[in-house]
Amino acid sequence: MNDELTPSERAALRARIVGGAHDITPVGAHRNAWIAGSVAAALVVAIAGGVAVTSTLSAPEIATTPSPSPSVTVVPVPVQTPTPTPTPTPTSSATTPALAFGGDCSVVLDDDAVSAVVGVPMTQWEGLSVWDARSLGGVSCHWRTQDSSGWQSVGVSVLPYSAVPDAVRSKIGVVPVCEGGPCDYSERFGDAWVSAYANSADVAMNAVAAVGARAASSPVTERALPAGAWSVDGCQDQLQRAVERTLGRSGLEPIGTDNVPQGQEWDVLTARGAAAWCSVAPPVYDDRDYFTLRISIAPGLQSDPTEVERFGGTPVQVDGARAAWWIPPANGVRGRLRADADGGIIEAAGTDLSEEQMRTLAANLIGALG
């Protein structure tokens, strides 16, 4: 596996935080870039309403008995009319806070607007995400192009400002140094926090400016993670032992690469407990049984089965999972095992590991997360 990247690719990758480096394209599509990013898959929010049930009461039939004297007129006993049972007023359940821009990336920016910002034709890019800014009430969108000037990507995220930790707030308005670090920029607009990554600081700043005024007027309210969401306090410490026990290995280490999720949005998601990532591999590259494993976790989320299967996922059985899918290697890069459990989504992407090994790994990782 080759983790060496060109400077342009490295700058774009380091800014890419949603979905990691998945190298997945939809079935039948041609892979035009060295890395596949991800965009938020849509969440289905069910709003449950109250149901009113009305009971009706029937009055018993009243019998009358004639008097022994034929001259006396029988006076009927008055029948009491039952008081109708009032119909309960339906009680509305609490509504889920609205997503920024309704969760619609075409409303955030259309392709023409992004193309004008970048200076070359850009199109919205959709991938199979694991983490999702929507889990906190936001939206995250991605565009990319491949032309004679080289591959370029742009991402824009809008999140509630209340979800942004102080460490990230301190970076608001700071012009990024795009060589050797994430090339992303952010600003606050009312209750909204807008960030963008790009291949250059100017493009990132212009993308934020193109969204900012409208973000201030778009309702954006922070969402809380479900009560049963996993609490991931140190992905590496929690899961490495489970990997070693499953594979019968010891002394494993994080993968030696800078192909890792990072950037301001990533810092927001991790600070709020909405995302986690870690990696495992043997310490020596020429190990006879060398493999790599990248683990992505989205506490509290559940997958859209239709979306997963659109990206080549085949349903499989994994102990401890509500549902699971095997996604074969794309262009021979790495296969993925994605599983939904009560605590959220876990996805393991591995090289030189079989589907059977990945299914066992996923089950043990779910067990380790509790």
Protein backbone atom coordinates (compact mmCIF):
# COMPACT_ATOMS: atom_id res chain seq x y z
CA MET A 1 0.00 0.00 0.00
CA ASN A 2 1.35 3.44 -0.90
CA ASP A 3 0.66 6.36 1.41
CA GLU A 4 3.05 8.77 -0.36
CA LEU A 5 1.14 11.70 -1.85
CA THR A 6 1.92 14.72 -3.99
CA PRO A 7 1.90 18.09 -2.19
CA SER A 8 -1.45 19.01 -3.77
CA GLU A 9 -2.98 15.68 -2.80
CA ARG A 10 -1.56 15.89 0.71
CA ALA A 11 -3.05 19.36 1.31
CA ALA A 12 -6.49 18.25 0.13
CA LEU A 13 -6.38 15.00 2.09
CA ARG A 14 -5.36 16.59 5.35
CA ALA A 15 -8.35 18.89 5.14
CA ARG A 16 -10.74 16.07 4.39
CA ILE A 17 -12.41 14.94 7.60
CA VAL A 18 -15.69 13.27 6.76
CA GLY A 19 -15.54 9.59 5.92
CA GLY A 20 -11.75 9.24 5.92
CA ALA A 21 -9.90 7.81 2.91
CA HIS A 22 -12.34 5.20 1.72
CA ASP A 23 -11.40 4.80 -1.93
CA ILE A 24 -14.98 3.80 -2.77
CA THR A 25 -16.93 4.76 -5.86
CA PRO A 26 -20.51 3.77 -6.76
CA VAL A 27 -20.96 0.53 -8.71
CA GLY A 28 -20.26 1.11 -12.39
CA ALA A 29 -18.51 4.42 -11.87
CA HIS A 30 -14.88 5.09 -12.89
CA ARG A 31 -12.44 6.24 -10.22
CA ASN A 32 -11.02 9.59 -11.30
CA ALA A 33 -9.17 10.53 -8.14
CA TRP A 34 -6.63 9.00 -5.81
CA ILE A 35 -8.90 9.32 -2.81
CA ALA A 36 -12.60 9.13 -2.26
CA GLY A 37 -14.01 11.50 0.29
CA SER A 38 -17.44 11.34 1.74
CA VAL A 39 -20.48 13.41 2.17
CA ALA A 40 -23.09 13.10 4.65
CA ALA A 41 -25.67 10.42 4.04
CA ALA A 42 -29.22 11.50 4.75
CA LEU A 43 -30.70 10.86 8.22
CA VAL A 44 -34.30 9.67 8.44
CA VAL A 45 -35.98 11.36 11.41
CA ALA A 46 -39.30 9.83 12.55
CA ILE A 47 -41.74 12.22 14.24
CA ALA A 48 -44.26 10.30 16.34
CA GLY A 49 -47.67 11.92 16.90
CA GLY A 50 -50.26 11.22 19.57
CA VAL A 51 -53.29 9.03 18.82
CA ALA A 52 -56.68 9.92 20.26
CA VAL A 53 -59.05 7.12 21.21
CA THR A 54 -62.70 7.89 22.03
CA SER A 55 -64.88 5.52 24.13
CA THR A 56 -68.68 5.46 23.77
CA LEU A 57 -71.00 4.28 26.53
CA SER A 58 -74.41 2.60 25.91
CA ALA A 59 -77.26 3.20 28.39
CA PRO A 60 -79.03 0.07 29.60
CA GLU A 61 -82.63 -0.46 28.45
CA ILE A 62 -85.16 0.64 31.12
CA ALA A 63 -88.21 -1.65 31.67
CA THR A 64 -91.55 -0.24 32.95
CA THR A 65 -94.13 -2.22 34.98
CA PRO A 66 -97.90 -1.32 34.73
CA SER A 67 -99.80 -0.45 37.97
CA PRO A 68 -102.35 -3.04 39.31
CA SER A 69 -105.10 -0.41 38.84
CA PRO A 70 -106.12 -0.18 35.19
CA SER A 71 -107.17 3.45 35.71
CA VAL A 72 -103.71 4.58 36.55
CA THR A 73 -101.49 5.72 33.72
CA VAL A 74 -98.05 4.33 33.84
CA VAL A 75 -95.45 7.05 34.14
CA PRO A 76 -92.22 6.09 32.37
CA VAL A 77 -89.01 6.31 34.35
CA PRO A 78 -86.79 9.01 32.85
CA VAL A 79 -83.70 7.67 31.11
CA GLN A 80 -80.48 9.48 31.97
CA THR A 81 -78.50 10.45 28.93
CA PRO A 82 -74.85 9.42 29.40
CA THR A 83 -72.31 12.20 29.31
CA PRO A 84 -70.01 11.68 26.29
CA THR A 85 -66.42 10.92 27.13
CA PRO A 86 -64.34 13.87 25.95
CA THR A 87 -61.91 13.18 23.14
CA PRO A 88 -58.32 13.58 24.38
CA THR A 89 -56.33 16.31 22.72
CA PRO A 90 -53.39 14.82 20.80
CA THR A 91 -50.09 15.62 22.40
CA SER A 92 -47.35 16.62 19.97
CA SER A 93 -43.98 14.97 20.50
CA ALA A 94 -40.89 17.11 20.66
CA THR A 95 -39.67 17.98 17.20
CA THR A 96 -36.11 17.33 16.11
CA PRO A 97 -34.12 20.56 15.57
CA ALA A 98 -33.88 21.61 11.93
CA LEU A 99 -30.69 20.94 10.01
CA ALA A 100 -28.70 23.85 8.64
CA PHE A 101 -29.97 24.62 5.11
CA GLY A 102 -32.39 21.72 5.55
CA GLY A 103 -29.45 19.35 5.07
CA ASP A 104 -29.47 20.12 1.33
CA CYS A 105 -26.02 20.76 -0.18
CA SER A 106 -27.51 22.24 -3.38
CA VAL A 107 -28.97 24.99 -1.18
CA VAL A 108 -25.65 25.58 0.57
CA LEU A 109 -23.95 26.21 -2.79
CA ASP A 110 -24.81 25.00 -6.28
CA ASP A 111 -22.19 23.70 -8.72
CA ASP A 112 -22.02 27.01 -10.60
CA ALA A 113 -21.32 28.97 -7.44
CA VAL A 114 -18.54 26.59 -6.39
CA SER A 115 -17.08 26.68 -9.91
CA ALA A 116 -16.99 30.48 -9.74
CA VAL A 117 -15.17 30.35 -6.40
CA VAL A 118 -12.57 27.83 -7.60
CA GLY A 119 -12.19 29.06 -11.16
CA VAL A 120 -12.69 25.63 -12.80
CA PRO A 121 -15.81 23.48 -13.29
CA MET A 122 -16.80 21.70 -10.06
CA THR A 123 -19.52 19.17 -9.35
CA GLN A 124 -20.98 17.97 -6.08
CA TRP A 125 -19.42 14.71 -4.96
CA GLU A 126 -21.34 12.10 -3.01
CA GLY A 127 -19.71 9.27 -1.12
CA LEU A 128 -20.63 6.83 1.60
CA SER A 129 -19.98 8.62 4.86
CA VAL A 130 -19.48 7.24 8.34
CA TRP A 131 -19.39 10.45 10.39
CA ASP A 132 -22.05 13.01 9.66
CA ALA A 133 -22.26 16.70 10.62
CA ARG A 134 -26.02 16.22 10.69
CA SER A 135 -25.65 14.35 13.95
CA LEU A 136 -24.98 17.78 15.54
CA GLY A 137 -27.57 19.66 13.47
CA GLY A 138 -25.27 20.73 10.64
CA VAL A 139 -24.53 19.82 7.04
CA SER A 140 -21.29 18.98 5.25
CA CYS A 141 -20.88 19.18 1.46
CA HIS A 142 -18.12 18.34 -0.99
CA TRP A 143 -17.28 19.21 -4.59
CA ARG A 144 -14.40 18.09 -6.77
CA THR A 145 -13.01 18.16 -10.29
CA GLN A 146 -10.25 16.54 -12.30
CA ASP A 147 -8.92 18.64 -15.16
CA SER A 148 -5.66 19.67 -16.79
CA SER A 149 -4.83 21.92 -13.83
CA GLY A 150 -4.84 18.97 -11.43
CA TRP A 151 -7.34 17.42 -9.06
CA GLN A 152 -9.09 19.85 -6.76
CA SER A 153 -11.65 19.48 -3.99
CA VAL A 154 -13.68 21.90 -1.92
CA GLY A 155 -15.76 21.21 1.16
CA VAL A 156 -18.13 23.45 3.07
CA SER A 157 -19.64 22.66 6.47
CA VAL A 158 -22.24 24.56 8.46
CA LEU A 159 -22.70 23.70 12.15
CA PRO A 160 -24.35 25.35 15.14
CA TYR A 161 -21.90 27.73 16.77
CA SER A 162 -22.93 26.33 20.15
CA ALA A 163 -21.38 22.98 19.15
CA VAL A 164 -17.96 24.51 18.44
CA PRO A 165 -15.42 24.07 21.29
CA ASP A 166 -13.19 26.91 22.42
CA ALA A 167 -10.11 25.33 20.81
CA VAL A 168 -11.79 25.63 17.40
CA ARG A 169 -13.34 29.03 18.08
CA SER A 170 -9.83 30.36 18.55
CA LYS A 171 -9.12 29.52 14.88
CA ILE A 172 -12.04 31.57 13.52
CA GLY A 173 -10.80 34.13 11.02
CA VAL A 174 -7.25 32.77 11.03
CA VAL A 175 -5.87 32.47 7.50
CA PRO A 176 -4.57 28.90 7.08
CA VAL A 177 -1.05 27.93 6.13
CA CYS A 178 -1.86 25.25 3.58
CA GLU A 179 1.49 23.54 3.30
CA GLY A 180 2.02 20.99 6.02
CA GLY A 181 -1.42 21.26 7.61
CA PRO A 182 -5.17 21.36 7.00
CA CYS A 183 -6.11 24.06 4.51
CA ASP A 184 -9.37 25.09 6.13
CA TYR A 185 -10.88 28.38 7.21
CA SER A 186 -13.88 29.28 9.36
CA GLU A 187 -16.10 32.20 10.35
CA ARG A 188 -19.08 32.77 12.63
CA PHE A 189 -22.32 34.13 11.18
CA GLY A 190 -24.95 34.63 13.87
CA ASP A 191 -25.75 31.22 15.36
CA ALA A 192 -23.95 29.41 12.52
CA TRP A 193 -20.32 28.37 12.16
CA VAL A 194 -19.14 27.98 8.56
CA SER A 195 -15.90 26.28 7.58
CA ALA A 196 -14.38 25.34 4.26
CA TYR A 197 -11.37 23.36 3.08
CA ALA A 198 -9.71 23.71 -0.31
CA ASN A 199 -6.38 23.46 -2.07
CA SER A 200 -5.61 27.11 -1.27
CA ALA A 201 -6.40 29.60 1.48
CA ASP A 202 -8.04 32.04 -0.96
CA VAL A 203 -10.51 29.44 -2.21
CA ALA A 204 -11.38 28.33 1.33
CA MET A 205 -11.97 31.91 2.46
CA ASN A 206 -14.05 32.76 -0.61
CA ALA A 207 -16.16 29.64 -0.16
CA VAL A 208 -16.95 30.64 3.44
CA ALA A 209 -17.86 34.16 2.30
CA ALA A 210 -20.19 32.77 -0.38
CA VAL A 211 -22.18 30.87 2.26
CA GLY A 212 -21.92 33.09 5.32
CA ALA A 213 -24.72 35.65 4.96
CA ARG A 214 -27.27 32.94 4.11
CA ALA A 215 -26.04 30.71 6.92
CA ALA A 216 -26.87 33.47 9.40
CA SER A 217 -30.52 33.36 8.32
CA SER A 218 -30.83 29.56 8.07
CA PRO A 219 -32.18 27.96 11.26
CA VAL A 220 -29.42 25.94 12.88
CA THR A 221 -29.86 24.30 16.28
CA GLU A 222 -27.51 21.88 17.96
CA ARG A 223 -28.69 18.28 18.22
CA ALA A 224 -27.80 16.02 21.12
CA LEU A 225 -26.54 12.49 20.51
CA PRO A 226 -28.95 9.70 21.53
CA ALA A 227 -28.72 8.55 25.14
CA GLY A 228 -27.44 5.12 24.09
CA ALA A 229 -24.65 6.42 21.82
CA TRP A 230 -21.19 4.94 22.34
CA SER A 231 -18.78 6.95 24.43
CA VAL A 232 -15.38 6.58 22.75
CA ASP A 233 -12.64 7.77 25.06
CA GLY A 234 -9.50 6.86 23.16
CA CYS A 235 -10.23 4.73 20.10
CA GLN A 236 -6.70 3.30 20.00
CA ASP A 237 -6.70 2.18 23.63
CA GLN A 238 -10.23 0.78 23.50
CA LEU A 239 -9.95 -1.20 20.28
CA GLN A 240 -6.32 -2.22 19.62
CA ARG A 241 -6.46 -5.06 22.15
CA ALA A 242 -9.62 -6.39 20.51
CA VAL A 243 -7.83 -6.41 17.14
CA GLU A 244 -4.79 -8.20 18.56
CA ARG A 245 -6.93 -10.87 20.25
CA THR A 246 -8.98 -11.43 17.09
CA LEU A 247 -5.99 -11.79 14.78
CA GLY A 248 -3.70 -13.52 17.27
CA ARG A 249 -1.13 -10.74 17.02
CA SER A 250 0.70 -8.55 19.51
CA GLY A 251 2.74 -5.37 19.36
CA LEU A 252 0.52 -3.73 16.74
CA GLU A 253 0.82 0.03 16.23
CA PRO A 254 -1.00 2.88 14.47
CA ILE A 255 -0.36 3.03 10.73
CA GLY A 256 2.64 5.22 9.94
CA THR A 257 0.94 7.72 7.62
CA ASP A 258 -0.47 11.24 7.59
CA ASN A 259 -3.54 9.91 5.77
CA VAL A 260 -5.68 10.63 8.83
CA PRO A 261 -8.81 12.70 9.46
CA GLN A 262 -8.05 16.18 10.72
CA GLY A 263 -9.15 19.78 10.42
CA GLN A 264 -11.54 22.13 12.19
CA GLU A 265 -14.73 20.20 11.48
CA TRP A 266 -13.09 16.99 12.65
CA ASP A 267 -12.12 18.75 15.88
CA VAL A 268 -15.75 19.81 16.40
CA LEU A 269 -17.13 16.31 15.79
CA THR A 270 -14.63 14.61 18.08
CA ALA A 271 -15.00 17.20 20.83
CA ARG A 272 -18.76 16.59 20.87
CA GLY A 273 -18.35 12.80 20.85
CA ALA A 274 -19.82 12.43 17.35
CA ALA A 275 -16.80 10.78 15.67
CA ALA A 276 -13.73 8.68 16.39
CA TRP A 277 -10.97 7.11 14.29
CA CYS A 278 -7.91 4.95 14.83
CA SER A 279 -5.69 2.58 12.84
CA VAL A 280 -3.75 -0.63 13.46
CA ALA A 281 -0.92 -2.39 11.59
CA PRO A 282 2.22 -4.41 12.29
CA PRO A 283 5.18 -2.14 13.11
CA VAL A 284 7.32 -3.55 10.28
CA TYR A 285 6.11 -3.00 6.73
CA ASP A 286 7.83 -6.12 5.34
CA ASP A 287 6.12 -8.35 7.92
CA ARG A 288 5.12 -11.57 6.15
CA ASP A 289 1.54 -11.14 7.38
CA TYR A 290 1.41 -7.37 7.03
CA PHE A 291 -2.05 -5.78 6.99
CA THR A 292 -3.63 -2.40 7.66
CA LEU A 293 -6.86 -1.63 9.46
CA ARG A 294 -8.59 1.73 9.69
CA ILE A 295 -11.51 1.99 12.12
CA SER A 296 -14.17 4.71 11.87
CA ILE A 297 -16.87 5.18 14.51
CA ALA A 298 -20.02 7.35 14.45
CA PRO A 299 -21.66 7.18 17.90
CA GLY A 300 -25.46 7.35 17.86
CA LEU A 301 -25.93 7.11 14.09
CA GLN A 302 -27.54 4.38 11.98
CA SER A 303 -26.92 3.63 8.29
CA ASP A 304 -29.35 4.05 5.43
CA PRO A 305 -29.43 0.48 4.02
CA THR A 306 -30.40 1.68 0.54
CA GLU A 307 -27.45 4.06 0.47
CA VAL A 308 -24.98 1.43 1.67
CA GLU A 309 -26.17 -1.08 -0.91
CA ARG A 310 -25.98 1.58 -3.64
CA PHE A 311 -22.26 1.76 -2.90
CA GLY A 312 -21.83 -1.98 -3.27
CA GLY A 313 -22.64 -3.17 0.25
CA THR A 314 -23.92 -6.74 0.61
CA PRO A 315 -25.83 -7.63 3.81
CA VAL A 316 -23.90 -10.04 6.07
CA GLN A 317 -24.28 -11.41 9.58
CA VAL A 318 -22.19 -9.89 12.37
CA ASP A 319 -22.70 -10.86 16.01
CA GLY A 320 -23.90 -7.94 18.11
CA ALA A 321 -24.96 -5.85 15.09
CA ARG A 322 -28.44 -4.71 14.10
CA ALA A 323 -27.34 -4.82 10.47
CA ALA A 324 -24.03 -5.20 8.64
CA TRP A 325 -22.66 -5.01 5.11
CA TRP A 326 -19.51 -6.18 3.36
CA ILE A 327 -18.21 -3.70 0.78
CA PRO A 328 -15.62 -5.39 -1.48
CA PRO A 329 -12.30 -3.68 -2.25
CA ALA A 330 -12.54 -0.89 -4.80
CA ASN A 331 -9.82 -1.26 -7.41
CA GLY A 332 -8.06 -3.68 -5.08
CA VAL A 333 -7.46 -1.06 -2.37
CA ARG A 334 -9.29 -2.25 0.74
CA GLY A 335 -12.50 -4.00 1.72
CA ARG A 336 -14.87 -2.55 4.29
CA LEU A 337 -17.10 -4.09 6.89
CA ARG A 338 -19.79 -1.68 8.05
CA ALA A 339 -22.01 -2.54 11.00
CA ASP A 340 -24.81 -0.78 12.87
CA ALA A 341 -25.17 -1.54 16.56
CA ASP A 342 -27.18 -0.02 19.40
CA GLY A 343 -24.37 2.47 20.08
CA GLY A 344 -23.85 3.68 16.50
CA ILE A 345 -21.96 2.82 13.30
CA ILE A 346 -18.57 1.13 13.16
CA GLU A 347 -16.68 0.67 9.91
CA ALA A 348 -13.44 -1.27 9.52
CA ALA A 349 -11.47 -0.83 6.30
CA GLY A 350 -8.66 -3.34 5.88
CA THR A 351 -6.03 -4.50 3.43
CA ASP A 352 -4.93 -8.14 3.24
CA LEU A 353 -7.78 -9.20 5.53
CA SER A 354 -10.55 -11.54 4.39
CA GLU A 355 -14.28 -10.91 4.66
CA GLU A 356 -14.50 -13.59 7.36
CA GLN A 357 -11.74 -11.95 9.39
CA MET A 358 -13.42 -8.56 9.02
CA ARG A 359 -16.77 -9.91 10.20
CA THR A 360 -15.16 -11.40 13.29
CA LEU A 361 -13.23 -8.19 13.87
CA ALA A 362 -16.42 -6.08 13.63
CA ALA A 363 -18.18 -8.30 16.18
CA ASN A 364 -15.30 -8.03 18.64
CA LEU A 365 -14.97 -4.28 18.12
CA ILE A 366 -18.67 -3.83 18.87
CA GLY A 367 -18.17 -5.91 22.02
CA ALA A 368 -15.21 -3.76 23.05
CA LEU A 369 -17.24 -0.58 22.62
CA GLY A 370 -19.92 -1.95 24.94
